[in-house]
All heavy atoms as atom14 arrays in JSON, in Angstrom:
{
  "sequence": "EDIEYVTGNRYEAAEKLAIDYGIYVVLKGPETIVAEPDGTLWVNHTGN",
  "atom14_mask": [
    [1, 1, 1, 1, 1, 1, 1, 1, 1, 0, 0, 0, 0, 0],
    [1, 1, 1, 1, 1, 1, 1, 1, 0, 0, 0, 0, 0, 0],
    [1, 1, 1, 1, 1, 1, 1, 1, 0, 0, 0, 0, 0, 0],
    [1, 1, 1, 1, 1, 1, 1, 1, 1, 0, 0, 0, 0, 0],
    [1, 1, 1, 1, 1, 1, 1, 1, 1, 1, 1, 1, 0, 0],
    [1, 1, 1, 1, 1, 1, 1, 0, 0, 0, 0, 0, 0, 0],
    [1, 1, 1, 1, 1, 1, 1, 0, 0, 0, 0, 0, 0, 0],
    [1, 1, 1, 1, 0, 0, 0, 0, 0, 0, 0, 0, 0, 0],
    [1, 1, 1, 1, 1, 1, 1, 1, 0, 0, 0, 0, 0, 0],
    [1, 1, 1, 1, 1, 1, 1, 1, 1, 1, 1, 0, 0, 0],
    [1, 1, 1, 1, 1, 1, 1, 1, 1, 1, 1, 1, 0, 0],
    [1, 1, 1, 1, 1, 1, 1, 1, 1, 0, 0, 0, 0, 0],
    [1, 1, 1, 1, 1, 0, 0, 0, 0, 0, 0, 0, 0, 0],
    [1, 1, 1, 1, 1, 0, 0, 0, 0, 0, 0, 0, 0, 0],
    [1, 1, 1, 1, 1, 1, 1, 1, 1, 0, 0, 0, 0, 0],
    [1, 1, 1, 1, 1, 1, 1, 1, 1, 0, 0, 0, 0, 0],
    [1, 1, 1, 1, 1, 1, 1, 1, 0, 0, 0, 0, 0, 0],
    [1, 1, 1, 1, 1, 0, 0, 0, 0, 0, 0, 0, 0, 0],
    [1, 1, 1, 1, 1, 1, 1, 1, 0, 0, 0, 0, 0, 0],
    [1, 1, 1, 1, 1, 1, 1, 1, 0, 0, 0, 0, 0, 0],
    [1, 1, 1, 1, 1, 1, 1, 1, 1, 1, 1, 1, 0, 0],
    [1, 1, 1, 1, 0, 0, 0, 0, 0, 0, 0, 0, 0, 0],
    [1, 1, 1, 1, 1, 1, 1, 1, 0, 0, 0, 0, 0, 0],
    [1, 1, 1, 1, 1, 1, 1, 1, 1, 1, 1, 1, 0, 0],
    [1, 1, 1, 1, 1, 1, 1, 0, 0, 0, 0, 0, 0, 0],
    [1, 1, 1, 1, 1, 1, 1, 0, 0, 0, 0, 0, 0, 0],
    [1, 1, 1, 1, 1, 1, 1, 1, 0, 0, 0, 0, 0, 0],
    [1, 1, 1, 1, 1, 1, 1, 1, 1, 0, 0, 0, 0, 0],
    [1, 1, 1, 1, 0, 0, 0, 0, 0, 0, 0, 0, 0, 0],
    [1, 1, 1, 1, 1, 1, 1, 0, 0, 0, 0, 0, 0, 0],
    [1, 1, 1, 1, 1, 1, 1, 1, 1, 0, 0, 0, 0, 0],
    [1, 1, 1, 1, 1, 1, 1, 0, 0, 0, 0, 0, 0, 0],
    [1, 1, 1, 1, 1, 1, 1, 1, 0, 0, 0, 0, 0, 0],
    [1, 1, 1, 1, 1, 1, 1, 0, 0, 0, 0, 0, 0, 0],
    [1, 1, 1, 1, 1, 0, 0, 0, 0, 0, 0, 0, 0, 0],
    [1, 1, 1, 1, 1, 1, 1, 1, 1, 0, 0, 0, 0, 0],
    [1, 1, 1, 1, 1, 1, 1, 0, 0, 0, 0, 0, 0, 0],
    [1, 1, 1, 1, 1, 1, 1, 1, 0, 0, 0, 0, 0, 0],
    [1, 1, 1, 1, 0, 0, 0, 0, 0, 0, 0, 0, 0, 0],
    [1, 1, 1, 1, 1, 1, 1, 0, 0, 0, 0, 0, 0, 0],
    [1, 1, 1, 1, 1, 1, 1, 1, 0, 0, 0, 0, 0, 0],
    [1, 1, 1, 1, 1, 1, 1, 1, 1, 1, 1, 1, 1, 1],
    [1, 1, 1, 1, 1, 1, 1, 0, 0, 0, 0, 0, 0, 0],
    [1, 1, 1, 1, 1, 1, 1, 1, 0, 0, 0, 0, 0, 0],
    [1, 1, 1, 1, 1, 1, 1, 1, 1, 1, 0, 0, 0, 0],
    [1, 1, 1, 1, 1, 1, 1, 0, 0, 0, 0, 0, 0, 0],
    [1, 1, 1, 1, 0, 0, 0, 0, 0, 0, 0, 0, 0, 0],
    [1, 1, 1, 1, 1, 1, 1, 1, 0, 0, 0, 0, 0, 0]
  ],
  "atom14_positions": [
    [[-1.07, 6.21, -2.31], [-0.14, 6.18, -1.16], [1.23, 6.6, -1.67], [1.44, 6.78, -2.86], [-0.07, 4.79, -0.56], [-1.37, 4.32, 0.08], [-1.62, 4.91, 1.47], [-0.73, 5.65, 1.94], [-2.66, 4.59, 2.08], [0.0, 0.0, 0.0], [0.0, 0.0, 0.0], [0.0, 0.0, 0.0], [0.0, 0.0, 0.0], [0.0, 0.0, 0.0]],
    [[2.18, 6.79, -0.73], [3.53, 7.11, -1.17], [4.32, 5.8, -1.39], [3.9, 4.72, -0.94], [4.24, 8.02, -0.18], [4.27, 7.48, 1.24], [4.35, 6.26, 1.42], [4.17, 8.31, 2.18], [0.0, 0.0, 0.0], [0.0, 0.0, 0.0], [0.0, 0.0, 0.0], [0.0, 0.0, 0.0], [0.0, 0.0, 0.0], [0.0, 0.0, 0.0]],
    [[5.48, 5.93, -2.04], [6.26, 4.76, -2.38], [6.74, 4.05, -1.12], [6.81, 2.81, -1.09], [7.43, 5.16, -3.29], [6.92, 5.69, -4.64], [8.38, 3.96, -3.49], [8.02, 6.13, -5.59], [0.0, 0.0, 0.0], [0.0, 0.0, 0.0], [0.0, 0.0, 0.0], [0.0, 0.0, 0.0], [0.0, 0.0, 0.0], [0.0, 0.0, 0.0]],
    [[7.05, 4.82, -0.1], [7.54, 4.24, 1.14], [6.5, 3.31, 1.75], [6.84, 2.24, 2.28], [7.93, 5.32, 2.14], [9.18, 6.11, 1.8], [8.99, 7.07, 0.62], [7.81, 7.47, 0.36], [9.97, 7.39, -0.06], [0.0, 0.0, 0.0], [0.0, 0.0, 0.0], [0.0, 0.0, 0.0], [0.0, 0.0, 0.0], [0.0, 0.0, 0.0]],
    [[5.23, 3.68, 1.64], [4.19, 2.8, 2.14], [4.16, 1.47, 1.37], [4.07, 0.39, 1.97], [2.79, 3.46, 2.04], [1.67, 2.51, 2.39], [1.33, 2.24, 3.71], [1.02, 1.81, 1.34], [0.32, 1.33, 3.99], [0.0, 0.89, 1.64], [-0.32, 0.66, 2.98], [-1.3, -0.28, 3.25], [0.0, 0.0, 0.0], [0.0, 0.0, 0.0]],
    [[4.26, 1.56, 0.04], [4.21, 0.34, -0.78], [5.4, -0.57, -0.46], [5.22, -1.77, -0.29], [4.18, 0.72, -2.28], [4.31, -0.55, -3.12], [2.91, 1.46, -2.63], [0.0, 0.0, 0.0], [0.0, 0.0, 0.0], [0.0, 0.0, 0.0], [0.0, 0.0, 0.0], [0.0, 0.0, 0.0], [0.0, 0.0, 0.0], [0.0, 0.0, 0.0]],
    [[6.6, 0.0, -0.43], [7.78, -0.81, -0.19], [7.79, -1.44, 1.22], [8.35, -2.53, 1.42], [9.09, -0.01, -0.41], [9.07, 1.15, 0.42], [9.2, 0.41, -1.86], [0.0, 0.0, 0.0], [0.0, 0.0, 0.0], [0.0, 0.0, 0.0], [0.0, 0.0, 0.0], [0.0, 0.0, 0.0], [0.0, 0.0, 0.0], [0.0, 0.0, 0.0]],
    [[7.14, -0.78, 2.14], [7.08, -1.3, 3.51], [5.89, -2.22, 3.77], [5.84, -2.89, 4.82], [0.0, 0.0, 0.0], [0.0, 0.0, 0.0], [0.0, 0.0, 0.0], [0.0, 0.0, 0.0], [0.0, 0.0, 0.0], [0.0, 0.0, 0.0], [0.0, 0.0, 0.0], [0.0, 0.0, 0.0], [0.0, 0.0, 0.0], [0.0, 0.0, 0.0]],
    [[4.94, -2.26, 2.83], [3.71, -3.07, 3.03], [3.34, -3.76, 1.72], [2.2, -3.69, 1.28], [2.58, -2.17, 3.49], [2.86, -1.45, 4.79], [2.65, -1.98, 5.89], [3.37, -0.22, 4.69], [0.0, 0.0, 0.0], [0.0, 0.0, 0.0], [0.0, 0.0, 0.0], [0.0, 0.0, 0.0], [0.0, 0.0, 0.0], [0.0, 0.0, 0.0]],
    [[4.28, -4.42, 1.1], [4.07, -4.98, -0.22], [2.96, -6.01, -0.23], [2.1, -6.04, -1.12], [5.37, -5.58, -0.8], [6.46, -4.51, -0.92], [7.76, -5.09, -1.46], [7.66, -5.38, -2.89], [7.75, -6.61, -3.42], [7.92, -7.64, -2.64], [7.65, -6.77, -4.72], [0.0, 0.0, 0.0], [0.0, 0.0, 0.0], [0.0, 0.0, 0.0]],
    [[2.96, -6.96, 0.71], [1.96, -8.0, 0.7], [0.58, -7.41, 0.92], [-0.38, -7.72, 0.23], [2.26, -9.0, 1.82], [3.43, -9.9, 1.61], [4.28, -9.78, 0.52], [3.72, -10.91, 2.53], [5.36, -10.61, 0.33], [4.83, -11.76, 2.37], [5.64, -11.58, 1.27], [6.72, -12.43, 1.11], [0.0, 0.0, 0.0], [0.0, 0.0, 0.0]],
    [[0.48, -6.51, 1.9], [-0.82, -5.92, 2.21], [-1.35, -5.11, 1.04], [-2.54, -5.16, 0.72], [-0.69, -5.05, 3.45], [-0.38, -5.78, 4.75], [1.11, -6.08, 4.92], [1.89, -5.75, 4.02], [1.46, -6.67, 5.97], [0.0, 0.0, 0.0], [0.0, 0.0, 0.0], [0.0, 0.0, 0.0], [0.0, 0.0, 0.0], [0.0, 0.0, 0.0]],
    [[-0.47, -4.33, 0.4], [-0.92, -3.47, -0.71], [-1.4, -4.32, -1.88], [-2.42, -4.0, -2.48], [0.23, -2.57, -1.13], [0.0, 0.0, 0.0], [0.0, 0.0, 0.0], [0.0, 0.0, 0.0], [0.0, 0.0, 0.0], [0.0, 0.0, 0.0], [0.0, 0.0, 0.0], [0.0, 0.0, 0.0], [0.0, 0.0, 0.0], [0.0, 0.0, 0.0]],
    [[-0.62, -5.34, -2.21], [-1.04, -6.2, -3.34], [-2.33, -6.94, -3.08], [-3.22, -7.01, -3.93], [0.09, -7.19, -3.67], [0.0, 0.0, 0.0], [0.0, 0.0, 0.0], [0.0, 0.0, 0.0], [0.0, 0.0, 0.0], [0.0, 0.0, 0.0], [0.0, 0.0, 0.0], [0.0, 0.0, 0.0], [0.0, 0.0, 0.0], [0.0, 0.0, 0.0]],
    [[-2.44, -7.47, -1.87], [-3.66, -8.23, -1.51], [-4.88, -7.3, -1.55], [-5.92, -7.7, -2.14], [-3.48, -8.8, -0.09], [-4.69, -9.55, 0.43], [-4.61, -9.86, 1.89], [-4.3, -8.94, 2.68], [-4.88, -11.0, 2.28], [0.0, 0.0, 0.0], [0.0, 0.0, 0.0], [0.0, 0.0, 0.0], [0.0, 0.0, 0.0], [0.0, 0.0, 0.0]],
    [[-4.8, -6.14, -0.96], [-5.95, -5.27, -0.9], [-6.38, -4.8, -2.27], [-7.6, -4.79, -2.57], [-5.64, -4.04, -0.02], [-6.84, -3.14, 0.23], [-6.51, -2.01, 1.19], [-7.73, -1.21, 1.56], [-8.45, -0.67, 0.39], [0.0, 0.0, 0.0], [0.0, 0.0, 0.0], [0.0, 0.0, 0.0], [0.0, 0.0, 0.0], [0.0, 0.0, 0.0]],
    [[-5.45, -4.41, -3.12], [-5.81, -3.95, -4.47], [-6.44, -5.06, -5.28], [-7.45, -4.85, -5.97], [-4.61, -3.39, -5.17], [-4.86, -2.82, -6.59], [-5.88, -1.7, -6.56], [-3.58, -2.36, -7.22], [0.0, 0.0, 0.0], [0.0, 0.0, 0.0], [0.0, 0.0, 0.0], [0.0, 0.0, 0.0], [0.0, 0.0, 0.0], [0.0, 0.0, 0.0]],
    [[-5.88, -6.25, -5.18], [-6.43, -7.39, -5.91], [-7.86, -7.7, -5.52], [-8.74, -7.92, -6.37], [-5.56, -8.62, -5.71], [0.0, 0.0, 0.0], [0.0, 0.0, 0.0], [0.0, 0.0, 0.0], [0.0, 0.0, 0.0], [0.0, 0.0, 0.0], [0.0, 0.0, 0.0], [0.0, 0.0, 0.0], [0.0, 0.0, 0.0], [0.0, 0.0, 0.0]],
    [[-8.12, -7.66, -4.22], [-9.47, -7.95, -3.73], [-10.43, -6.8, -4.07], [-11.56, -7.02, -4.54], [-9.45, -8.18, -2.21], [-8.69, -9.46, -1.88], [-10.86, -8.24, -1.63], [-8.46, -9.7, -0.39], [0.0, 0.0, 0.0], [0.0, 0.0, 0.0], [0.0, 0.0, 0.0], [0.0, 0.0, 0.0], [0.0, 0.0, 0.0], [0.0, 0.0, 0.0]],
    [[-9.99, -5.56, -3.82], [-10.84, -4.4, -4.05], [-11.29, -4.28, -5.5], [-12.47, -3.97, -5.81], [-10.12, -3.11, -3.65], [-10.06, -2.92, -2.15], [-10.69, -3.7, -1.42], [-9.34, -1.98, -1.71], [0.0, 0.0, 0.0], [0.0, 0.0, 0.0], [0.0, 0.0, 0.0], [0.0, 0.0, 0.0], [0.0, 0.0, 0.0], [0.0, 0.0, 0.0]],
    [[-10.38, -4.49, -6.42], [-10.68, -4.34, -7.86], [-11.1, -5.66, -8.53], [-11.59, -5.67, -9.65], [-9.46, -3.8, -8.61], [-9.26, -2.3, -8.47], [-9.56, -1.61, -7.31], [-8.72, -1.58, -9.54], [-9.37, -0.26, -7.23], [-8.51, -0.22, -9.45], [-8.82, 0.46, -8.29], [-8.63, 1.8, -8.19], [0.0, 0.0, 0.0], [0.0, 0.0, 0.0]],
    [[-10.88, -6.83, -7.85], [-11.18, -8.09, -8.45], [-10.24, -8.45, -9.6], [-10.67, -8.97, -10.62], [0.0, 0.0, 0.0], [0.0, 0.0, 0.0], [0.0, 0.0, 0.0], [0.0, 0.0, 0.0], [0.0, 0.0, 0.0], [0.0, 0.0, 0.0], [0.0, 0.0, 0.0], [0.0, 0.0, 0.0], [0.0, 0.0, 0.0], [0.0, 0.0, 0.0]],
    [[-8.95, -8.16, -9.4], [-7.98, -8.33, -10.5], [-6.75, -9.1, -10.01], [-6.61, -9.37, -8.81], [-7.51, -6.98, -11.07], [-6.83, -6.14, -9.96], [-8.68, -6.18, -11.65], [-6.26, -4.81, -10.42], [0.0, 0.0, 0.0], [0.0, 0.0, 0.0], [0.0, 0.0, 0.0], [0.0, 0.0, 0.0], [0.0, 0.0, 0.0], [0.0, 0.0, 0.0]],
    [[-5.87, -9.42, -10.95], [-4.55, -10.01, -10.6], [-3.55, -8.85, -10.57], [-3.49, -8.03, -11.49], [-4.12, -11.01, -11.66], [-4.96, -12.24, -11.69], [-6.16, -12.27, -12.47], [-4.61, -13.39, -11.02], [-6.94, -13.42, -12.49], [-5.39, -14.56, -11.06], [-6.55, -14.54, -11.81], [-7.35, -15.66, -11.82], [0.0, 0.0, 0.0], [0.0, 0.0, 0.0]],
    [[-2.79, -8.78, -9.49], [-1.78, -7.75, -9.32], [-0.4, -8.37, -9.27], [-0.12, -9.23, -8.43], [-2.02, -6.95, -8.03], [-0.92, -5.91, -7.82], [-3.38, -6.26, -8.05], [0.0, 0.0, 0.0], [0.0, 0.0, 0.0], [0.0, 0.0, 0.0], [0.0, 0.0, 0.0], [0.0, 0.0, 0.0], [0.0, 0.0, 0.0], [0.0, 0.0, 0.0]],
    [[0.46, -7.96, -10.2], [1.85, -8.41, -10.19], [2.68, -7.22, -9.71], [2.97, -6.31, -10.46], [2.33, -8.84, -11.6], [3.76, -9.31, -11.57], [1.4, -9.92, -12.16], [0.0, 0.0, 0.0], [0.0, 0.0, 0.0], [0.0, 0.0, 0.0], [0.0, 0.0, 0.0], [0.0, 0.0, 0.0], [0.0, 0.0, 0.0], [0.0, 0.0, 0.0]],
    [[2.99, -7.25, -8.42], [3.77, -6.15, -7.81], [5.25, -6.46, -7.97], [5.8, -7.32, -7.28], [3.39, -5.96, -6.35], [4.12, -4.8, -5.61], [4.01, -3.49, -6.37], [3.58, -4.68, -4.2], [0.0, 0.0, 0.0], [0.0, 0.0, 0.0], [0.0, 0.0, 0.0], [0.0, 0.0, 0.0], [0.0, 0.0, 0.0], [0.0, 0.0, 0.0]],
    [[5.9, -5.77, -8.92], [7.25, -6.09, -9.3], [8.25, -5.55, -8.25], [7.96, -4.63, -7.51], [7.57, -5.46, -10.67], [6.74, -6.06, -11.78], [7.09, -5.54, -13.14], [6.73, -4.1, -13.34], [6.8, -3.65, -14.78], [0.0, 0.0, 0.0], [0.0, 0.0, 0.0], [0.0, 0.0, 0.0], [0.0, 0.0, 0.0], [0.0, 0.0, 0.0]],
    [[9.43, -6.18, -8.23], [10.47, -5.81, -7.29], [11.17, -7.05, -6.82], [10.93, -8.14, -7.32], [0.0, 0.0, 0.0], [0.0, 0.0, 0.0], [0.0, 0.0, 0.0], [0.0, 0.0, 0.0], [0.0, 0.0, 0.0], [0.0, 0.0, 0.0], [0.0, 0.0, 0.0], [0.0, 0.0, 0.0], [0.0, 0.0, 0.0], [0.0, 0.0, 0.0]],
    [[12.08, -6.91, -5.85], [12.69, -8.1, -5.26], [11.62, -9.01, -4.71], [10.75, -8.56, -3.97], [13.57, -7.52, -4.14], [13.83, -6.1, -4.52], [12.57, -5.66, -5.24], [0.0, 0.0, 0.0], [0.0, 0.0, 0.0], [0.0, 0.0, 0.0], [0.0, 0.0, 0.0], [0.0, 0.0, 0.0], [0.0, 0.0, 0.0], [0.0, 0.0, 0.0]],
    [[11.63, -10.26, -5.13], [10.57, -11.21, -4.75], [9.18, -10.67, -5.18], [8.32, -10.36, -4.37], [10.62, -11.54, -3.24], [11.94, -12.17, -2.84], [11.86, -12.92, -1.54], [11.05, -12.56, -0.67], [12.62, -13.89, -1.39], [0.0, 0.0, 0.0], [0.0, 0.0, 0.0], [0.0, 0.0, 0.0], [0.0, 0.0, 0.0], [0.0, 0.0, 0.0]],
    [[9.02, -10.61, -6.49], [7.77, -10.14, -7.08], [6.58, -10.94, -6.55], [6.65, -12.15, -6.37], [7.85, -10.27, -8.61], [8.8, -9.31, -9.09], [6.49, -9.99, -9.27], [0.0, 0.0, 0.0], [0.0, 0.0, 0.0], [0.0, 0.0, 0.0], [0.0, 0.0, 0.0], [0.0, 0.0, 0.0], [0.0, 0.0, 0.0], [0.0, 0.0, 0.0]],
    [[5.52, -10.22, -6.29], [4.3, -10.81, -5.71], [3.21, -10.89, -6.78], [2.96, -9.91, -7.5], [3.76, -9.96, -4.53], [4.8, -9.92, -3.41], [2.43, -10.52, -4.01], [4.5, -8.82, -2.38], [0.0, 0.0, 0.0], [0.0, 0.0, 0.0], [0.0, 0.0, 0.0], [0.0, 0.0, 0.0], [0.0, 0.0, 0.0], [0.0, 0.0, 0.0]],
    [[2.55, -12.06, -6.91], [1.36, -12.18, -7.73], [0.18, -12.37, -6.78], [0.12, -13.33, -6.03], [1.47, -13.39, -8.68], [0.18, -13.58, -9.48], [2.64, -13.23, -9.65], [0.0, 0.0, 0.0], [0.0, 0.0, 0.0], [0.0, 0.0, 0.0], [0.0, 0.0, 0.0], [0.0, 0.0, 0.0], [0.0, 0.0, 0.0], [0.0, 0.0, 0.0]],
    [[-0.74, -11.39, -6.83], [-1.93, -11.46, -5.97], [-3.14, -11.82, -6.84], [-3.38, -11.21, -7.87], [-2.17, -10.13, -5.28], [0.0, 0.0, 0.0], [0.0, 0.0, 0.0], [0.0, 0.0, 0.0], [0.0, 0.0, 0.0], [0.0, 0.0, 0.0], [0.0, 0.0, 0.0], [0.0, 0.0, 0.0], [0.0, 0.0, 0.0], [0.0, 0.0, 0.0]],
    [[-3.89, -12.83, -6.41], [-5.1, -13.22, -7.11], [-6.3, -12.39, -6.65], [-6.24, -11.74, -5.58], [-5.39, -14.72, -6.83], [-4.32, -15.66, -7.37], [-4.76, -17.09, -7.24], [-5.69, -17.51, -7.93], [-4.15, -17.83, -6.44], [0.0, 0.0, 0.0], [0.0, 0.0, 0.0], [0.0, 0.0, 0.0], [0.0, 0.0, 0.0], [0.0, 0.0, 0.0]],
    [[-7.38, -12.39, -7.4], [-8.56, -11.59, -7.02], [-9.15, -11.95, -5.66], [-9.78, -11.1, -5.04], [-9.56, -11.89, -8.16], [-8.7, -12.23, -9.32], [-7.52, -12.97, -8.76], [0.0, 0.0, 0.0], [0.0, 0.0, 0.0], [0.0, 0.0, 0.0], [0.0, 0.0, 0.0], [0.0, 0.0, 0.0], [0.0, 0.0, 0.0], [0.0, 0.0, 0.0]],
    [[-8.9, -13.17, -5.17], [-9.4, -13.56, -3.86], [-8.4, -13.22, -2.74], [-8.66, -13.5, -1.57], [-9.77, -15.02, -3.8], [-8.57, -15.96, -3.96], [-7.45, -15.46, -4.12], [-8.75, -17.18, -3.92], [0.0, 0.0, 0.0], [0.0, 0.0, 0.0], [0.0, 0.0, 0.0], [0.0, 0.0, 0.0], [0.0, 0.0, 0.0], [0.0, 0.0, 0.0]],
    [[-7.28, -12.58, -3.13], [-6.29, -12.17, -2.13], [-5.16, -13.18, -1.9], [-4.19, -12.86, -1.2], [0.0, 0.0, 0.0], [0.0, 0.0, 0.0], [0.0, 0.0, 0.0], [0.0, 0.0, 0.0], [0.0, 0.0, 0.0], [0.0, 0.0, 0.0], [0.0, 0.0, 0.0], [0.0, 0.0, 0.0], [0.0, 0.0, 0.0], [0.0, 0.0, 0.0]],
    [[-5.22, -14.33, -2.49], [-4.13, -15.31, -2.38], [-2.87, -14.73, -3.01], [-2.89, -14.19, -4.12], [-4.48, -16.64, -3.1], [-5.66, -17.19, -2.53], [-3.33, -17.66, -2.97], [0.0, 0.0, 0.0], [0.0, 0.0, 0.0], [0.0, 0.0, 0.0], [0.0, 0.0, 0.0], [0.0, 0.0, 0.0], [0.0, 0.0, 0.0], [0.0, 0.0, 0.0]],
    [[-1.74, -14.85, -2.29], [-0.48, -14.28, -2.75], [0.5, -15.39, -3.12], [0.65, -16.37, -2.38], [0.13, -13.41, -1.64], [-0.71, -12.24, -1.12], [0.07, -11.51, -0.05], [-1.08, -11.29, -2.24], [0.0, 0.0, 0.0], [0.0, 0.0, 0.0], [0.0, 0.0, 0.0], [0.0, 0.0, 0.0], [0.0, 0.0, 0.0], [0.0, 0.0, 0.0]],
    [[1.19, -15.19, -4.24], [2.26, -16.11, -4.66], [3.54, -15.28, -4.81], [3.57, -14.31, -5.52], [1.89, -16.74, -6.0], [0.69, -17.63, -5.91], [-0.61, -17.24, -6.12], [0.67, -18.99, -5.53], [-1.44, -18.32, -5.92], [-0.69, -19.4, -5.53], [1.65, -19.93, -5.17], [-1.07, -20.71, -5.24], [1.28, -21.24, -4.86], [-0.07, -21.6, -4.89]],
    [[4.58, -15.7, -4.1], [5.83, -14.94, -4.04], [6.87, -15.64, -4.9], [7.06, -16.87, -4.82], [6.32, -14.81, -2.59], [7.58, -13.93, -2.56], [5.24, -14.18, -1.73], [0.0, 0.0, 0.0], [0.0, 0.0, 0.0], [0.0, 0.0, 0.0], [0.0, 0.0, 0.0], [0.0, 0.0, 0.0], [0.0, 0.0, 0.0], [0.0, 0.0, 0.0]],
    [[7.58, -14.88, -5.72], [8.63, -15.39, -6.58], [10.0, -15.14, -5.95], [10.26, -14.1, -5.4], [8.57, -14.71, -7.94], [9.67, -15.19, -8.87], [9.71, -16.38, -9.19], [10.56, -14.31, -9.25], [0.0, 0.0, 0.0], [0.0, 0.0, 0.0], [0.0, 0.0, 0.0], [0.0, 0.0, 0.0], [0.0, 0.0, 0.0], [0.0, 0.0, 0.0]],
    [[10.89, -16.14, -6.09], [12.2, -16.03, -5.49], [13.36, -16.05, -6.52], [14.52, -16.15, -6.12], [12.43, -17.15, -4.47], [11.37, -17.14, -3.38], [11.29, -16.17, -2.42], [10.34, -17.99, -3.15], [10.26, -16.43, -1.59], [9.69, -17.52, -2.03], [0.0, 0.0, 0.0], [0.0, 0.0, 0.0], [0.0, 0.0, 0.0], [0.0, 0.0, 0.0]],
    [[13.03, -15.98, -7.79], [14.1, -15.88, -8.8], [14.38, -14.44, -9.16], [13.6, -13.54, -8.83], [13.74, -16.66, -10.09], [12.57, -16.06, -10.66], [13.45, -18.12, -9.78], [0.0, 0.0, 0.0], [0.0, 0.0, 0.0], [0.0, 0.0, 0.0], [0.0, 0.0, 0.0], [0.0, 0.0, 0.0], [0.0, 0.0, 0.0], [0.0, 0.0, 0.0]],
    [[15.49, -14.22, -9.87], [15.82, -12.86, -10.32], [16.94, -12.26, -9.51], [17.31, -12.73, -8.43], [0.0, 0.0, 0.0], [0.0, 0.0, 0.0], [0.0, 0.0, 0.0], [0.0, 0.0, 0.0], [0.0, 0.0, 0.0], [0.0, 0.0, 0.0], [0.0, 0.0, 0.0], [0.0, 0.0, 0.0], [0.0, 0.0, 0.0], [0.0, 0.0, 0.0]],
    [[17.46, -11.16, -10.02], [18.61, -10.47, -9.39], [18.55, -8.99, -9.77], [17.72, -8.57, -10.58], [19.9, -11.13, -9.77], [20.11, -11.15, -11.29], [20.31, -10.11, -11.9], [20.02, -12.36, -11.88], [0.0, 0.0, 0.0], [0.0, 0.0, 0.0], [0.0, 0.0, 0.0], [0.0, 0.0, 0.0], [0.0, 0.0, 0.0], [0.0, 0.0, 0.0]]
  ]
}
């Protein structure tokens, strides 16, 4: 996909890739997302 899609759909992109591949996805950026293989998302609020 293009970068604009990822930045506009961060939760959906991380969740789908984690489930599709069966992996943990750490999508970096403001409020980094950790997606588990079952699709559970954990959002981080530290950093600047």
